[in-house]
């Protein structure tokens, strides 16, 4: 399937910014659909946070807002910690 069933390849507008905005909104919508289809953990998150809380949580996760920056900064300054990549 070319566009995963969304059928938005023939978008037309006299305003280029409107077309770009529509494209970005469709990408965000597809991202959320893929996330919902492939995740079993979201059912528990929706039960705890609700839909608006889930959307806020996803936004914070995408903007790296869920990271504790003060803790990360203190770890970087302290030489007793060692960063390792785990595969």
N, C-alpha and C. Protein backbone atom coordinates (compact mmCIF):
# COMPACT_ATOMS: atom_id res chain seq x y z
N UNK A 1 0.84 -1.16 0.00
CA UNK A 1 0.00 0.00 0.00
C UNK A 1 0.90 1.24 0.00
N UNK A 2 0.64 2.16 -0.89
CA UNK A 2 1.55 3.28 -1.08
C UNK A 2 1.57 4.26 0.10
N UNK A 3 0.43 4.67 0.56
CA UNK A 3 0.37 5.66 1.64
C UNK A 3 -0.33 5.11 2.88
N UNK A 4 -0.24 3.83 3.11
CA UNK A 4 -0.80 3.15 4.27
C UNK A 4 -2.30 3.42 4.43
N UNK A 5 -3.01 3.62 3.33
CA UNK A 5 -4.45 3.78 3.36
C UNK A 5 -4.95 5.19 3.64
N UNK A 6 -4.06 6.17 3.76
CA UNK A 6 -4.50 7.52 4.08
C UNK A 6 -4.98 8.30 2.86
N UNK A 7 -4.53 7.97 1.67
CA UNK A 7 -4.98 8.55 0.41
C UNK A 7 -4.91 10.07 0.41
N UNK A 8 -3.78 10.63 0.75
CA UNK A 8 -3.65 12.08 0.75
C UNK A 8 -2.60 12.57 -0.24
N UNK A 9 -2.33 11.81 -1.28
CA UNK A 9 -1.27 12.17 -2.21
C UNK A 9 -1.65 13.30 -3.15
N UNK A 10 -2.96 13.58 -3.34
CA UNK A 10 -3.37 14.61 -4.28
C UNK A 10 -3.92 15.83 -3.55
N UNK A 11 -3.23 16.26 -2.52
CA UNK A 11 -3.62 17.44 -1.77
C UNK A 11 -3.42 18.67 -2.65
N UNK A 12 -4.39 19.58 -2.67
CA UNK A 12 -4.28 20.79 -3.48
C UNK A 12 -4.67 21.99 -2.65
N UNK A 13 -3.90 23.06 -2.78
CA UNK A 13 -4.21 24.32 -2.12
C UNK A 13 -3.49 25.44 -2.85
N UNK A 14 -4.06 26.64 -2.79
CA UNK A 14 -3.40 27.80 -3.37
C UNK A 14 -2.32 28.34 -2.45
N UNK A 15 -2.32 27.90 -1.21
CA UNK A 15 -1.35 28.36 -0.23
C UNK A 15 -0.40 27.20 0.10
N UNK A 16 0.88 27.39 -0.17
CA UNK A 16 1.86 26.33 0.06
C UNK A 16 1.96 25.96 1.53
N UNK A 17 1.90 26.96 2.41
CA UNK A 17 1.99 26.68 3.85
C UNK A 17 0.84 25.81 4.33
N UNK A 18 -0.34 25.98 3.74
CA UNK A 18 -1.48 25.14 4.11
C UNK A 18 -1.22 23.69 3.72
N UNK A 19 -0.62 23.48 2.55
CA UNK A 19 -0.32 22.11 2.12
C UNK A 19 0.72 21.47 3.03
N UNK A 20 1.74 22.24 3.38
CA UNK A 20 2.79 21.72 4.26
C UNK A 20 2.20 21.41 5.64
N UNK A 21 1.37 22.31 6.16
CA UNK A 21 0.73 22.07 7.45
C UNK A 21 -0.14 20.83 7.44
N UNK A 22 -0.90 20.64 6.35
CA UNK A 22 -1.75 19.46 6.22
C UNK A 22 -0.89 18.19 6.20
N UNK A 23 0.22 18.25 5.48
CA UNK A 23 1.12 17.10 5.40
C UNK A 23 1.67 16.75 6.79
N UNK A 24 2.09 17.77 7.54
CA UNK A 24 2.62 17.52 8.88
C UNK A 24 1.54 16.96 9.82
N UNK A 25 0.33 17.48 9.73
CA UNK A 25 -0.75 16.94 10.56
C UNK A 25 -1.05 15.49 10.22
N UNK A 26 -1.00 15.15 8.94
CA UNK A 26 -1.22 13.76 8.54
C UNK A 26 -0.11 12.86 9.07
N UNK A 27 1.13 13.36 9.06
CA UNK A 27 2.24 12.57 9.60
C UNK A 27 2.08 12.35 11.11
N UNK A 28 1.64 13.39 11.82
CA UNK A 28 1.41 13.25 13.26
C UNK A 28 0.29 12.25 13.52
N UNK A 29 -0.78 12.33 12.73
CA UNK A 29 -1.88 11.38 12.87
C UNK A 29 -1.44 9.96 12.61
N UNK A 30 -0.63 9.76 11.58
CA UNK A 30 -0.14 8.42 11.27
C UNK A 30 0.78 7.91 12.39
N UNK A 31 1.62 8.79 12.92
CA UNK A 31 2.49 8.43 14.03
C UNK A 31 1.67 7.93 15.21
N UNK A 32 0.60 8.65 15.53
CA UNK A 32 -0.24 8.24 16.65
C UNK A 32 -0.96 6.93 16.36
N UNK A 33 -1.40 6.72 15.12
CA UNK A 33 -2.05 5.46 14.77
C UNK A 33 -1.09 4.28 14.89
N UNK A 34 0.13 4.44 14.40
CA UNK A 34 1.13 3.38 14.49
C UNK A 34 1.45 3.09 15.95
N UNK A 35 1.57 4.15 16.73
CA UNK A 35 1.85 3.99 18.15
C UNK A 35 0.74 3.20 18.84
N UNK A 36 -0.50 3.52 18.52
CA UNK A 36 -1.62 2.83 19.15
C UNK A 36 -1.75 1.38 18.69
N UNK A 37 -1.46 1.12 17.42
CA UNK A 37 -1.59 -0.23 16.89
C UNK A 37 -0.53 -1.16 17.46
N UNK A 38 0.68 -0.66 17.62
CA UNK A 38 1.80 -1.52 18.00
C UNK A 38 2.14 -1.51 19.48
N UNK A 39 1.34 -0.89 20.30
CA UNK A 39 1.70 -0.83 21.71
C UNK A 39 0.57 -1.37 22.59
N UNK A 40 0.92 -2.32 23.43
CA UNK A 40 -0.04 -2.85 24.40
C UNK A 40 0.00 -2.06 25.70
N UNK A 41 1.08 -1.34 25.93
CA UNK A 41 1.22 -0.59 27.17
C UNK A 41 0.33 0.65 27.20
N UNK A 42 -0.09 1.13 26.03
CA UNK A 42 -0.89 2.34 26.01
C UNK A 42 -2.26 2.14 26.63
N UNK A 43 -2.75 0.93 26.62
CA UNK A 43 -4.06 0.67 27.25
C UNK A 43 -4.01 1.01 28.74
N UNK A 44 -2.91 0.63 29.38
CA UNK A 44 -2.75 0.95 30.80
C UNK A 44 -2.55 2.44 31.01
N UNK A 45 -1.78 3.08 30.12
CA UNK A 45 -1.55 4.52 30.23
C UNK A 45 -2.84 5.30 30.06
N UNK A 46 -3.68 4.89 29.11
CA UNK A 46 -4.96 5.57 28.89
C UNK A 46 -5.84 5.39 30.12
N UNK A 47 -5.82 4.21 30.72
CA UNK A 47 -6.62 3.97 31.91
C UNK A 47 -6.18 4.86 33.07
N UNK A 48 -4.88 5.10 33.17
CA UNK A 48 -4.35 5.91 34.27
C UNK A 48 -4.45 7.40 33.97
N UNK A 49 -4.03 7.81 32.76
CA UNK A 49 -3.92 9.23 32.43
C UNK A 49 -5.13 9.80 31.71
N UNK A 50 -5.89 8.97 31.03
CA UNK A 50 -6.95 9.47 30.17
C UNK A 50 -6.37 9.86 28.82
N UNK A 51 -7.23 10.22 27.87
CA UNK A 51 -6.76 10.54 26.52
C UNK A 51 -5.91 11.81 26.52
N UNK A 52 -6.39 12.87 27.18
CA UNK A 52 -5.62 14.12 27.20
C UNK A 52 -4.29 13.94 27.92
N UNK A 53 -4.29 13.20 28.99
CA UNK A 53 -3.05 12.92 29.70
C UNK A 53 -2.08 12.11 28.86
N UNK A 54 -2.61 11.16 28.08
CA UNK A 54 -1.76 10.37 27.19
C UNK A 54 -1.13 11.25 26.12
N UNK A 55 -1.93 12.14 25.53
CA UNK A 55 -1.39 13.05 24.51
C UNK A 55 -0.32 13.96 25.10
N UNK A 56 -0.53 14.44 26.32
CA UNK A 56 0.47 15.27 26.98
C UNK A 56 1.74 14.46 27.27
N UNK A 57 1.58 13.21 27.69
CA UNK A 57 2.72 12.34 27.96
C UNK A 57 3.53 12.08 26.69
N UNK A 58 2.83 11.81 25.57
CA UNK A 58 3.52 11.59 24.29
C UNK A 58 4.26 12.84 23.86
N UNK A 59 3.64 14.01 24.03
CA UNK A 59 4.30 15.27 23.67
C UNK A 59 5.55 15.48 24.51
N UNK A 60 5.45 15.23 25.81
CA UNK A 60 6.62 15.38 26.68
C UNK A 60 7.72 14.40 26.30
N UNK A 61 7.34 13.17 25.94
CA UNK A 61 8.34 12.18 25.55
C UNK A 61 9.03 12.58 24.25
N UNK A 62 8.28 13.15 23.31
CA UNK A 62 8.87 13.56 22.02
C UNK A 62 9.75 14.78 22.17
N UNK A 63 9.48 15.63 23.16
CA UNK A 63 10.29 16.83 23.36
C UNK A 63 11.35 16.62 24.44
N UNK A 64 11.51 15.41 24.92
CA UNK A 64 12.50 15.04 25.94
C UNK A 64 12.25 15.78 27.24
N UNK A 65 11.00 16.14 27.51
CA UNK A 65 10.66 16.86 28.73
C UNK A 65 10.55 15.93 29.94
N UNK A 66 10.47 14.63 29.70
CA UNK A 66 10.35 13.69 30.82
C UNK A 66 11.69 13.41 31.47
N UNK A 67 12.77 13.87 30.87
CA UNK A 67 14.09 13.66 31.46
C UNK A 67 14.33 14.67 32.57
N UNK A 68 14.96 14.24 33.63
CA UNK A 68 15.31 15.12 34.74
C UNK A 68 16.67 15.73 34.43
N UNK A 69 16.64 16.95 33.89
CA UNK A 69 17.87 17.58 33.41
C UNK A 69 18.84 17.91 34.55
N UNK A 70 18.33 18.25 35.72
CA UNK A 70 19.24 18.55 36.84
C UNK A 70 19.98 17.30 37.28
N UNK A 71 19.29 16.16 37.30
CA UNK A 71 19.94 14.90 37.66
C UNK A 71 20.98 14.51 36.62
N UNK A 72 20.64 14.67 35.35
CA UNK A 72 21.60 14.34 34.28
C UNK A 72 22.81 15.25 34.37
N UNK A 73 22.60 16.54 34.64
CA UNK A 73 23.73 17.48 34.76
C UNK A 73 24.63 17.10 35.93
N UNK A 74 24.03 16.68 37.06
CA UNK A 74 24.86 16.28 38.21
C UNK A 74 25.63 15.00 37.92
N UNK A 75 25.05 14.10 37.15
CA UNK A 75 25.75 12.87 36.78
C UNK A 75 26.91 13.18 35.84
N UNK A 76 26.71 14.12 34.93
CA UNK A 76 27.77 14.49 33.98
C UNK A 76 28.93 15.13 34.72
N UNK A 77 28.64 15.96 35.71
CA UNK A 77 29.70 16.64 36.46
C UNK A 77 30.47 15.66 37.34
N UNK A 78 29.77 14.70 37.94
CA UNK A 78 30.40 13.73 38.84
C UNK A 78 31.20 12.71 38.02
N UNK A 79 32.42 12.44 38.43
CA UNK A 79 33.28 11.51 37.70
C UNK A 79 33.10 10.06 38.15
N UNK A 80 32.25 9.79 39.13
CA UNK A 80 32.06 8.43 39.61
C UNK A 80 31.15 7.59 38.73
N UNK A 81 30.43 8.25 37.81
CA UNK A 81 29.50 7.52 36.94
C UNK A 81 30.16 7.21 35.61
N UNK A 82 29.73 6.13 35.02
CA UNK A 82 30.26 5.73 33.72
C UNK A 82 29.07 5.48 32.79
N UNK A 83 29.07 6.15 31.65
CA UNK A 83 27.99 6.00 30.67
C UNK A 83 28.27 4.80 29.79
N UNK A 84 27.31 3.91 29.67
CA UNK A 84 27.45 2.73 28.82
C UNK A 84 26.24 2.61 27.91
N UNK A 85 26.48 2.19 26.69
CA UNK A 85 25.40 1.93 25.75
C UNK A 85 25.03 0.46 25.86
N UNK A 86 23.76 0.18 26.05
CA UNK A 86 23.28 -1.18 26.18
C UNK A 86 22.44 -1.50 24.96
N UNK A 87 22.75 -2.62 24.31
CA UNK A 87 21.98 -2.97 23.11
C UNK A 87 20.95 -4.01 23.41
